[in-house]
Amino acid sequence: MEYSFPVAEGWDVTVDIDAMERGEAGQHPPEKKSIATDCETWLRDQGVKIGAHPKYGRADLVATKEGLGTFVVEVEGDAARQKDQAMYSALGQIVLSMDELSPAITYGLAVPDTVQWETQLNKIPKGIRDLLNLWLLLVSKTGVRQVSTSAQHQLHSSQN
């Protein structure tokens, strides 16, 4: 998000953080709640709106910029459940948020940049990704890569 949708460069960004992500529901390591609080504070300091988006509801991230369109992104992290089940759940959330298919709206699934997650994302056929205008993103501390059927390319990195 820091590299892809900087509020300082005119992006309007909304992030929804649910109770599980805040460490308030379910069982989590003791430090999860303080990490979530720190992350939410950082997001607010960047100018990000926290809460459900007026149009896309509980999507994890919605970013809009005049001339560049709207990006609706579901984010999956490493958790106890199997990666394939997490991916299927996130894909379901994305599809349910698709009230319209338009070249001005890009939908995305962002996951940690690991070989295991990349393997899961590569299961989604390119034709379906193209039809739905769906980006598959691998995220690390240094940047974001988009999964493609040919050579992968760097979307943004900390060098930008």
N, C-alpha and C. Protein backbone atom coordinates (compact mmCIF):
# COMPACT_ATOMS: atom_id res chain seq x y z
N MET A 1 0.83 -1.19 0.00
CA MET A 1 0.00 0.00 0.00
C MET A 1 0.86 1.23 0.00
N GLU A 2 1.90 1.25 0.82
CA GLU A 2 2.79 2.40 0.90
C GLU A 2 3.36 2.73 -0.47
N TYR A 3 3.65 1.70 -1.28
CA TYR A 3 4.27 1.91 -2.57
C TYR A 3 3.24 2.03 -3.69
N SER A 4 2.13 1.35 -3.56
CA SER A 4 1.17 1.28 -4.65
C SER A 4 0.14 2.38 -4.66
N PHE A 5 -0.34 2.82 -3.49
CA PHE A 5 -1.44 3.77 -3.42
C PHE A 5 -1.16 4.89 -2.41
N PRO A 6 -0.10 5.67 -2.60
CA PRO A 6 0.23 6.69 -1.60
C PRO A 6 -0.81 7.83 -1.57
N VAL A 7 -1.38 8.04 -0.41
CA VAL A 7 -2.36 9.11 -0.23
C VAL A 7 -1.73 10.46 -0.58
N ALA A 8 -0.46 10.62 -0.26
CA ALA A 8 0.24 11.87 -0.54
C ALA A 8 0.31 12.19 -2.03
N GLU A 9 0.09 11.17 -2.87
CA GLU A 9 0.10 11.38 -4.32
C GLU A 9 -1.31 11.40 -4.91
N GLY A 10 -2.31 11.65 -4.06
CA GLY A 10 -3.67 11.84 -4.55
C GLY A 10 -4.57 10.63 -4.50
N TRP A 11 -4.12 9.52 -3.94
CA TRP A 11 -4.98 8.35 -3.82
C TRP A 11 -5.94 8.52 -2.66
N ASP A 12 -7.19 8.14 -2.86
CA ASP A 12 -8.18 8.05 -1.78
C ASP A 12 -8.21 6.58 -1.39
N VAL A 13 -7.79 6.28 -0.15
CA VAL A 13 -7.62 4.89 0.27
C VAL A 13 -8.46 4.61 1.51
N THR A 14 -9.19 3.50 1.46
CA THR A 14 -9.96 3.01 2.60
C THR A 14 -9.50 1.59 2.90
N VAL A 15 -9.24 1.31 4.17
CA VAL A 15 -8.84 -0.02 4.61
C VAL A 15 -9.81 -0.47 5.69
N ASP A 16 -10.34 -1.68 5.52
CA ASP A 16 -11.23 -2.25 6.53
C ASP A 16 -10.44 -3.23 7.38
N ILE A 17 -10.47 -3.04 8.69
CA ILE A 17 -9.76 -3.92 9.61
C ILE A 17 -10.81 -4.57 10.51
N ASP A 18 -10.95 -5.89 10.40
CA ASP A 18 -11.98 -6.55 11.19
C ASP A 18 -11.44 -6.99 12.55
N ALA A 19 -12.32 -7.51 13.39
CA ALA A 19 -11.96 -7.90 14.76
C ALA A 19 -10.87 -8.97 14.80
N MET A 20 -10.90 -9.91 13.87
CA MET A 20 -9.86 -10.94 13.82
C MET A 20 -8.50 -10.31 13.54
N GLU A 21 -8.48 -9.38 12.58
CA GLU A 21 -7.22 -8.72 12.23
C GLU A 21 -6.70 -7.85 13.37
N ARG A 22 -7.60 -7.35 14.18
CA ARG A 22 -7.20 -6.54 15.34
C ARG A 22 -6.79 -7.41 16.53
N GLY A 23 -6.98 -8.72 16.41
CA GLY A 23 -6.65 -9.62 17.51
C GLY A 23 -7.67 -9.60 18.62
N GLU A 24 -8.90 -9.16 18.30
CA GLU A 24 -9.95 -9.05 19.30
C GLU A 24 -10.88 -10.26 19.32
N ALA A 25 -10.85 -11.07 18.28
CA ALA A 25 -11.71 -12.25 18.20
C ALA A 25 -10.84 -13.44 17.85
N GLY A 26 -11.20 -14.60 18.33
CA GLY A 26 -10.41 -15.80 18.06
C GLY A 26 -9.18 -15.87 18.94
N GLN A 27 -8.34 -16.82 18.64
CA GLN A 27 -7.11 -16.99 19.43
C GLN A 27 -5.92 -16.52 18.60
N HIS A 28 -5.12 -15.65 19.20
CA HIS A 28 -3.98 -15.05 18.51
C HIS A 28 -2.81 -14.93 19.46
N PRO A 29 -1.62 -14.81 18.91
CA PRO A 29 -0.47 -14.54 19.77
C PRO A 29 -0.70 -13.23 20.53
N PRO A 30 -0.16 -13.10 21.74
CA PRO A 30 -0.42 -11.92 22.55
C PRO A 30 -0.01 -10.60 21.89
N GLU A 31 0.99 -10.63 21.02
CA GLU A 31 1.46 -9.39 20.41
C GLU A 31 0.61 -8.92 19.22
N LYS A 32 -0.32 -9.75 18.76
CA LYS A 32 -1.10 -9.39 17.57
C LYS A 32 -1.88 -8.10 17.77
N LYS A 33 -2.50 -7.93 18.93
CA LYS A 33 -3.31 -6.75 19.17
C LYS A 33 -2.46 -5.47 19.10
N SER A 34 -1.28 -5.48 19.71
CA SER A 34 -0.45 -4.27 19.68
C SER A 34 0.11 -4.01 18.29
N ILE A 35 0.44 -5.08 17.54
CA ILE A 35 0.91 -4.91 16.16
C ILE A 35 -0.20 -4.30 15.31
N ALA A 36 -1.43 -4.81 15.47
CA ALA A 36 -2.57 -4.28 14.71
C ALA A 36 -2.82 -2.82 15.06
N THR A 37 -2.72 -2.48 16.32
CA THR A 37 -2.92 -1.09 16.75
C THR A 37 -1.86 -0.19 16.13
N ASP A 38 -0.61 -0.64 16.14
CA ASP A 38 0.47 0.14 15.54
C ASP A 38 0.24 0.32 14.03
N CYS A 39 -0.17 -0.73 13.36
CA CYS A 39 -0.43 -0.65 11.92
C CYS A 39 -1.58 0.30 11.61
N GLU A 40 -2.65 0.21 12.40
CA GLU A 40 -3.78 1.10 12.18
C GLU A 40 -3.38 2.55 12.41
N THR A 41 -2.59 2.81 13.43
CA THR A 41 -2.10 4.17 13.69
C THR A 41 -1.28 4.67 12.51
N TRP A 42 -0.39 3.82 11.99
CA TRP A 42 0.43 4.19 10.85
C TRP A 42 -0.44 4.52 9.64
N LEU A 43 -1.44 3.68 9.36
CA LEU A 43 -2.34 3.93 8.24
C LEU A 43 -3.06 5.27 8.39
N ARG A 44 -3.61 5.52 9.56
CA ARG A 44 -4.30 6.79 9.80
C ARG A 44 -3.35 7.98 9.61
N ASP A 45 -2.12 7.83 10.09
CA ASP A 45 -1.12 8.90 9.93
C ASP A 45 -0.81 9.18 8.46
N GLN A 46 -0.98 8.16 7.61
CA GLN A 46 -0.75 8.33 6.18
C GLN A 46 -1.95 8.97 5.46
N GLY A 47 -3.08 9.09 6.17
CA GLY A 47 -4.28 9.66 5.56
C GLY A 47 -5.27 8.62 5.08
N VAL A 48 -5.07 7.38 5.44
CA VAL A 48 -5.96 6.29 5.04
C VAL A 48 -7.21 6.31 5.92
N LYS A 49 -8.37 6.13 5.29
CA LYS A 49 -9.63 6.01 6.03
C LYS A 49 -9.75 4.57 6.51
N ILE A 50 -10.17 4.39 7.75
CA ILE A 50 -10.34 3.05 8.32
C ILE A 50 -11.83 2.77 8.47
N GLY A 51 -12.27 1.63 7.93
CA GLY A 51 -13.67 1.24 8.04
C GLY A 51 -14.19 0.70 6.72
N ALA A 52 -15.46 0.38 6.69
CA ALA A 52 -16.07 -0.14 5.47
C ALA A 52 -16.15 0.97 4.43
N HIS A 53 -15.95 0.60 3.18
CA HIS A 53 -16.03 1.56 2.07
C HIS A 53 -17.50 1.79 1.73
N PRO A 54 -17.90 3.02 1.38
CA PRO A 54 -19.32 3.29 1.08
C PRO A 54 -19.89 2.44 -0.05
N LYS A 55 -19.09 2.11 -1.06
CA LYS A 55 -19.59 1.32 -2.20
C LYS A 55 -19.20 -0.14 -2.11
N TYR A 56 -17.96 -0.43 -1.71
CA TYR A 56 -17.44 -1.80 -1.73
C TYR A 56 -17.47 -2.49 -0.38
N GLY A 57 -18.06 -1.84 0.61
CA GLY A 57 -18.27 -2.47 1.91
C GLY A 57 -17.00 -2.89 2.60
N ARG A 58 -16.96 -4.16 3.00
CA ARG A 58 -15.88 -4.69 3.83
C ARG A 58 -14.67 -5.16 3.04
N ALA A 59 -14.48 -4.69 1.82
CA ALA A 59 -13.26 -5.01 1.08
C ALA A 59 -12.07 -4.56 1.92
N ASP A 60 -11.00 -5.34 1.90
CA ASP A 60 -9.85 -5.02 2.73
C ASP A 60 -9.22 -3.68 2.37
N LEU A 61 -9.11 -3.40 1.08
CA LEU A 61 -8.50 -2.14 0.64
C LEU A 61 -9.21 -1.66 -0.62
N VAL A 62 -9.58 -0.39 -0.62
CA VAL A 62 -10.14 0.24 -1.82
C VAL A 62 -9.34 1.52 -2.04
N ALA A 63 -8.77 1.64 -3.23
CA ALA A 63 -7.97 2.82 -3.56
C ALA A 63 -8.46 3.39 -4.89
N THR A 64 -8.68 4.70 -4.92
CA THR A 64 -9.18 5.37 -6.11
C THR A 64 -8.33 6.61 -6.38
N LYS A 65 -8.06 6.83 -7.66
CA LYS A 65 -7.35 8.04 -8.06
C LYS A 65 -7.88 8.47 -9.42
N GLU A 66 -8.21 9.73 -9.53
CA GLU A 66 -8.70 10.29 -10.78
C GLU A 66 -7.74 9.94 -11.92
N GLY A 67 -8.29 9.39 -12.99
CA GLY A 67 -7.49 9.04 -14.15
C GLY A 67 -6.84 7.66 -14.09
N LEU A 68 -6.78 7.06 -12.91
CA LEU A 68 -6.17 5.73 -12.77
C LEU A 68 -7.18 4.66 -12.37
N GLY A 69 -8.36 5.08 -11.94
CA GLY A 69 -9.41 4.12 -11.63
C GLY A 69 -9.48 3.72 -10.17
N THR A 70 -10.17 2.61 -9.94
CA THR A 70 -10.41 2.09 -8.60
C THR A 70 -9.82 0.69 -8.50
N PHE A 71 -9.20 0.42 -7.36
CA PHE A 71 -8.62 -0.89 -7.07
C PHE A 71 -9.29 -1.42 -5.81
N VAL A 72 -9.89 -2.60 -5.92
CA VAL A 72 -10.55 -3.26 -4.79
C VAL A 72 -9.75 -4.53 -4.51
N VAL A 73 -9.12 -4.57 -3.32
CA VAL A 73 -8.16 -5.63 -3.04
C VAL A 73 -8.53 -6.37 -1.76
N GLU A 74 -8.55 -7.70 -1.85
CA GLU A 74 -8.66 -8.55 -0.68
C GLU A 74 -7.25 -8.98 -0.30
N VAL A 75 -6.98 -8.98 0.98
CA VAL A 75 -5.65 -9.30 1.48
C VAL A 75 -5.71 -10.55 2.35
N GLU A 76 -4.83 -11.49 2.06
CA GLU A 76 -4.71 -12.70 2.88
C GLU A 76 -3.30 -12.74 3.44
N GLY A 77 -3.19 -13.05 4.71
CA GLY A 77 -1.88 -13.21 5.33
C GLY A 77 -1.64 -14.66 5.66
N ASP A 78 -0.49 -14.93 6.21
CA ASP A 78 -0.21 -16.29 6.67
C ASP A 78 -1.01 -16.54 7.94
N ALA A 79 -1.76 -17.61 7.94
CA ALA A 79 -2.61 -17.96 9.09
C ALA A 79 -2.58 -19.47 9.26
N ALA A 80 -3.30 -19.93 10.25
CA ALA A 80 -3.31 -21.36 10.56
C ALA A 80 -4.01 -22.18 9.48
N ARG A 81 -5.00 -21.61 8.80
CA ARG A 81 -5.72 -22.41 7.81
C ARG A 81 -4.87 -22.60 6.55
N GLN A 82 -5.25 -23.60 5.78
CA GLN A 82 -4.51 -23.93 4.57
C GLN A 82 -4.59 -22.79 3.55
N LYS A 83 -3.51 -22.60 2.82
CA LYS A 83 -3.43 -21.50 1.87
C LYS A 83 -4.48 -21.62 0.76
N ASP A 84 -4.75 -22.84 0.30
CA ASP A 84 -5.75 -22.97 -0.75
C ASP A 84 -7.13 -22.55 -0.25
N GLN A 85 -7.47 -22.91 0.99
CA GLN A 85 -8.76 -22.52 1.55
C GLN A 85 -8.84 -21.00 1.75
N ALA A 86 -7.74 -20.40 2.19
CA ALA A 86 -7.70 -18.94 2.35
C ALA A 86 -7.87 -18.25 1.00
N MET A 87 -7.22 -18.79 -0.03
CA MET A 87 -7.33 -18.20 -1.37
C MET A 87 -8.76 -18.31 -1.90
N TYR A 88 -9.37 -19.48 -1.72
CA TYR A 88 -10.75 -19.66 -2.20
C TYR A 88 -11.70 -18.68 -1.49
N SER A 89 -11.51 -18.51 -0.21
CA SER A 89 -12.34 -17.58 0.55
C SER A 89 -12.17 -16.15 0.04
N ALA A 90 -10.92 -15.75 -0.16
CA ALA A 90 -10.65 -14.39 -0.65
C ALA A 90 -11.23 -14.19 -2.05
N LEU A 91 -11.10 -15.19 -2.91
CA LEU A 91 -11.68 -15.08 -4.26
C LEU A 91 -13.20 -14.93 -4.19
N GLY A 92 -13.82 -15.66 -3.29
CA GLY A 92 -15.27 -15.52 -3.11
C GLY A 92 -15.64 -14.12 -2.68
N GLN A 93 -14.87 -13.55 -1.76
CA GLN A 93 -15.13 -12.17 -1.31
C GLN A 93 -14.98 -11.20 -2.47
N ILE A 94 -13.95 -11.38 -3.29
CA ILE A 94 -13.74 -10.49 -4.43
C ILE A 94 -14.90 -10.58 -5.41
N VAL A 95 -15.28 -11.80 -5.78
CA VAL A 95 -16.36 -11.98 -6.74
C VAL A 95 -17.66 -11.37 -6.23
N LEU A 96 -17.94 -11.53 -4.93
CA LEU A 96 -19.17 -10.96 -4.37
C LEU A 96 -19.14 -9.44 -4.35
N SER A 97 -17.96 -8.83 -4.38
CA SER A 97 -17.88 -7.36 -4.40
C SER A 97 -17.98 -6.80 -5.81
N MET A 98 -17.99 -7.66 -6.82
CA MET A 98 -18.01 -7.21 -8.21
C MET A 98 -19.42 -6.86 -8.65
N ASP A 99 -19.85 -5.65 -8.32
CA ASP A 99 -21.18 -5.25 -8.76
C ASP A 99 -21.17 -4.78 -10.21
N GLU A 100 -19.96 -4.55 -10.75
CA GLU A 100 -19.84 -4.21 -12.15
C GLU A 100 -18.44 -4.58 -12.62
N LEU A 101 -18.35 -4.97 -13.89
CA LEU A 101 -17.05 -5.20 -14.49
C LEU A 101 -16.79 -4.04 -15.43
N SER A 102 -15.72 -3.34 -15.17
CA SER A 102 -15.40 -2.14 -15.93
C SER A 102 -13.88 -2.04 -16.00
N PRO A 103 -13.35 -1.56 -17.13
CA PRO A 103 -11.90 -1.36 -17.20
C PRO A 103 -11.39 -0.36 -16.16
N ALA A 104 -12.28 0.44 -15.60
CA ALA A 104 -11.88 1.44 -14.60
C ALA A 104 -11.77 0.83 -13.20
N ILE A 105 -12.20 -0.43 -13.05
CA ILE A 105 -12.15 -1.09 -11.73
C ILE A 105 -11.25 -2.32 -11.84
N THR A 106 -10.21 -2.33 -11.04
CA THR A 106 -9.31 -3.48 -10.98
C THR A 106 -9.51 -4.15 -9.63
N TYR A 107 -9.75 -5.45 -9.68
CA TYR A 107 -9.90 -6.23 -8.46
C TYR A 107 -8.58 -6.94 -8.20
N GLY A 108 -8.27 -7.18 -6.94
CA GLY A 108 -7.00 -7.80 -6.64
C GLY A 108 -7.04 -8.70 -5.42
N LEU A 109 -6.11 -9.63 -5.42
CA LEU A 109 -5.87 -10.50 -4.27
C LEU A 109 -4.41 -10.36 -3.92
N ALA A 110 -4.13 -9.88 -2.71
CA ALA A 110 -2.76 -9.67 -2.26
C ALA A 110 -2.43 -10.67 -1.16
N VAL A 111 -1.29 -11.33 -1.33
CA VAL A 111 -0.83 -12.35 -0.37
C VAL A 111 0.66 -12.16 -0.13
N PRO A 112 1.20 -12.79 0.92
CA PRO A 112 2.65 -12.69 1.15
C PRO A 112 3.45 -13.24 -0.04
N ASP A 113 4.58 -12.65 -0.30
CA ASP A 113 5.44 -13.06 -1.40
C ASP A 113 6.27 -14.27 -0.98
N THR A 114 5.63 -15.44 -1.09
CA THR A 114 6.31 -16.70 -0.80
C THR A 114 6.03 -17.68 -1.94
N VAL A 115 6.86 -18.68 -2.06
CA VAL A 115 6.67 -19.69 -3.11
C VAL A 115 5.33 -20.39 -2.94
N GLN A 116 4.95 -20.68 -1.69
CA GLN A 116 3.68 -21.38 -1.45
C GLN A 116 2.48 -20.57 -1.92
N TRP A 117 2.48 -19.27 -1.61
CA TRP A 117 1.37 -18.43 -2.06
C TRP A 117 1.40 -18.25 -3.57
N GLU A 118 2.57 -18.09 -4.14
CA GLU A 118 2.67 -17.94 -5.60
C GLU A 118 2.11 -19.17 -6.30
N THR A 119 2.37 -20.34 -5.76
CA THR A 119 1.84 -21.59 -6.31
C THR A 119 0.31 -21.56 -6.30
N GLN A 120 -0.26 -21.10 -5.19
CA GLN A 120 -1.73 -21.03 -5.10
C GLN A 120 -2.30 -20.06 -6.14
N LEU A 121 -1.69 -18.88 -6.25
CA LEU A 121 -2.20 -17.88 -7.19
C LEU A 121 -2.09 -18.34 -8.63
N ASN A 122 -1.06 -19.10 -8.95
CA ASN A 122 -0.89 -19.59 -10.32
C ASN A 122 -1.94 -20.62 -10.71
N LYS A 123 -2.74 -21.09 -9.77
CA LYS A 123 -3.84 -22.01 -10.09
C LYS A 123 -4.99 -21.30 -10.79
N ILE A 124 -5.06 -19.99 -10.65
CA ILE A 124 -6.17 -19.23 -11.25
C ILE A 124 -5.84 -18.99 -12.72
N PRO A 125 -6.66 -19.49 -13.63
CA PRO A 125 -6.36 -19.36 -15.06
C PRO A 125 -6.26 -17.90 -15.52
N LYS A 126 -5.29 -17.64 -16.39
CA LYS A 126 -5.06 -16.28 -16.88
C LYS A 126 -6.32 -15.72 -17.57
N GLY A 127 -7.03 -16.56 -18.31
CA GLY A 127 -8.24 -16.09 -19.00
C GLY A 127 -9.28 -15.56 -18.02
N ILE A 128 -9.42 -16.22 -16.88
CA ILE A 128 -10.35 -15.77 -15.84
C ILE A 128 -9.86 -14.46 -15.23
N ARG A 129 -8.55 -14.39 -14.96
CA ARG A 129 -7.98 -13.14 -14.43
C ARG A 129 -8.25 -11.98 -15.37
N ASP A 130 -8.04 -12.22 -16.67
CA ASP A 130 -8.25 -11.16 -17.66
C ASP A 130 -9.73 -10.77 -17.73
N LEU A 131 -10.61 -11.76 -17.75
CA LEU A 131 -12.05 -11.51 -17.83
C LEU A 131 -12.54 -10.65 -16.66
N LEU A 132 -12.04 -10.95 -15.46
CA LEU A 132 -12.48 -10.26 -14.25
C LEU A 132 -11.64 -9.02 -13.92
N ASN A 133 -10.62 -8.74 -14.73
CA ASN A 133 -9.68 -7.66 -14.45
C ASN A 133 -9.12 -7.84 -13.03
N LEU A 134 -8.61 -9.03 -12.79
CA LEU A 134 -8.15 -9.45 -11.47
C LEU A 134 -6.63 -9.50 -11.42
N TRP A 135 -6.07 -8.71 -10.53
CA TRP A 135 -4.63 -8.73 -10.30
C TRP A 135 -4.33 -9.67 -9.14
N LEU A 136 -3.27 -10.43 -9.28
CA LEU A 136 -2.80 -11.30 -8.21
C LEU A 136 -1.46 -10.75 -7.76
N LEU A 137 -1.39 -10.34 -6.51
CA LEU A 137 -0.25 -9.59 -6.00
C LEU A 137 0.50 -10.34 -4.91
N LEU A 138 1.81 -10.35 -5.02
CA LEU A 138 2.69 -10.92 -4.01
C LEU A 138 3.37 -9.76 -3.31
N VAL A 139 3.19 -9.66 -1.99
CA VAL A 139 3.62 -8.49 -1.24
C VAL A 139 4.74 -8.86 -0.27
N SER A 140 5.76 -8.01 -0.24
CA SER A 140 6.85 -8.16 0.73
C SER A 140 7.17 -6.78 1.29
N LYS A 141 8.12 -6.72 2.20
CA LYS A 141 8.51 -5.44 2.78
C LYS A 141 9.16 -4.52 1.76
N THR A 142 9.67 -5.08 0.67
CA THR A 142 10.37 -4.26 -0.31
C THR A 142 9.54 -3.91 -1.53
N GLY A 143 8.34 -4.46 -1.65
CA GLY A 143 7.53 -4.11 -2.81
C GLY A 143 6.41 -5.08 -3.10
N VAL A 144 5.85 -4.93 -4.29
CA VAL A 144 4.70 -5.72 -4.73
C VAL A 144 5.01 -6.25 -6.13
N ARG A 145 4.79 -7.57 -6.31
CA ARG A 145 4.94 -8.19 -7.63
C ARG A 145 3.58 -8.68 -8.09
N GLN A 146 3.34 -8.54 -9.38
CA GLN A 146 2.10 -9.07 -9.95
C GLN A 146 2.38 -10.41 -10.59
N VAL A 147 1.54 -11.41 -10.29
CA VAL A 147 1.67 -12.72 -10.90
C VAL A 147 1.19 -12.62 -12.34
N SER A 148 1.96 -13.18 -13.25
CA SER A 148 1.53 -13.23 -14.64
C SER A 148 1.93 -14.60 -15.19
N THR A 149 1.38 -14.97 -16.34
CA THR A 149 1.70 -16.28 -16.89
C THR A 149 3.07 -16.27 -17.55
N SER A 150 3.57 -15.10 -17.90
CA SER A 150 4.92 -15.03 -18.45
C SER A 150 5.84 -14.52 -17.36
N ALA A 151 6.86 -13.80 -17.72
CA ALA A 151 7.79 -13.28 -16.72
C ALA A 151 7.07 -12.33 -15.78
N GLN A 152 7.38 -12.45 -14.50
CA GLN A 152 6.78 -11.56 -13.51
C GLN A 152 7.50 -10.23 -13.56
N HIS A 153 6.79 -9.19 -13.16
CA HIS A 153 7.42 -7.88 -13.14
C HIS A 153 7.10 -7.17 -11.85
N GLN A 154 7.95 -6.26 -11.50
CA GLN A 154 7.81 -5.49 -10.27
C GLN A 154 6.82 -4.37 -10.51
N LEU A 155 5.77 -4.27 -9.70
CA LEU A 155 4.84 -3.15 -9.81
C LEU A 155 5.46 -1.91 -9.19
N HIS A 156 5.87 -2.04 -7.97
CA HIS A 156 6.46 -0.93 -7.24
C HIS A 156 7.47 -1.54 -6.26
N SER A 157 8.48 -0.79 -5.96
CA SER A 157 9.44 -1.27 -4.97
C SER A 157 9.86 -0.13 -4.09
N SER A 158 10.62 -0.44 -3.07
CA SER A 158 11.07 0.60 -2.16
C SER A 158 12.05 1.55 -2.84
N GLN A 159 12.48 1.21 -4.04
CA GLN A 159 13.39 2.07 -4.77
C GLN A 159 12.66 3.26 -5.39
N ASN A 160 11.32 3.17 -5.53
CA ASN A 160 10.53 4.25 -6.14
C ASN A 160 10.38 5.42 -5.21
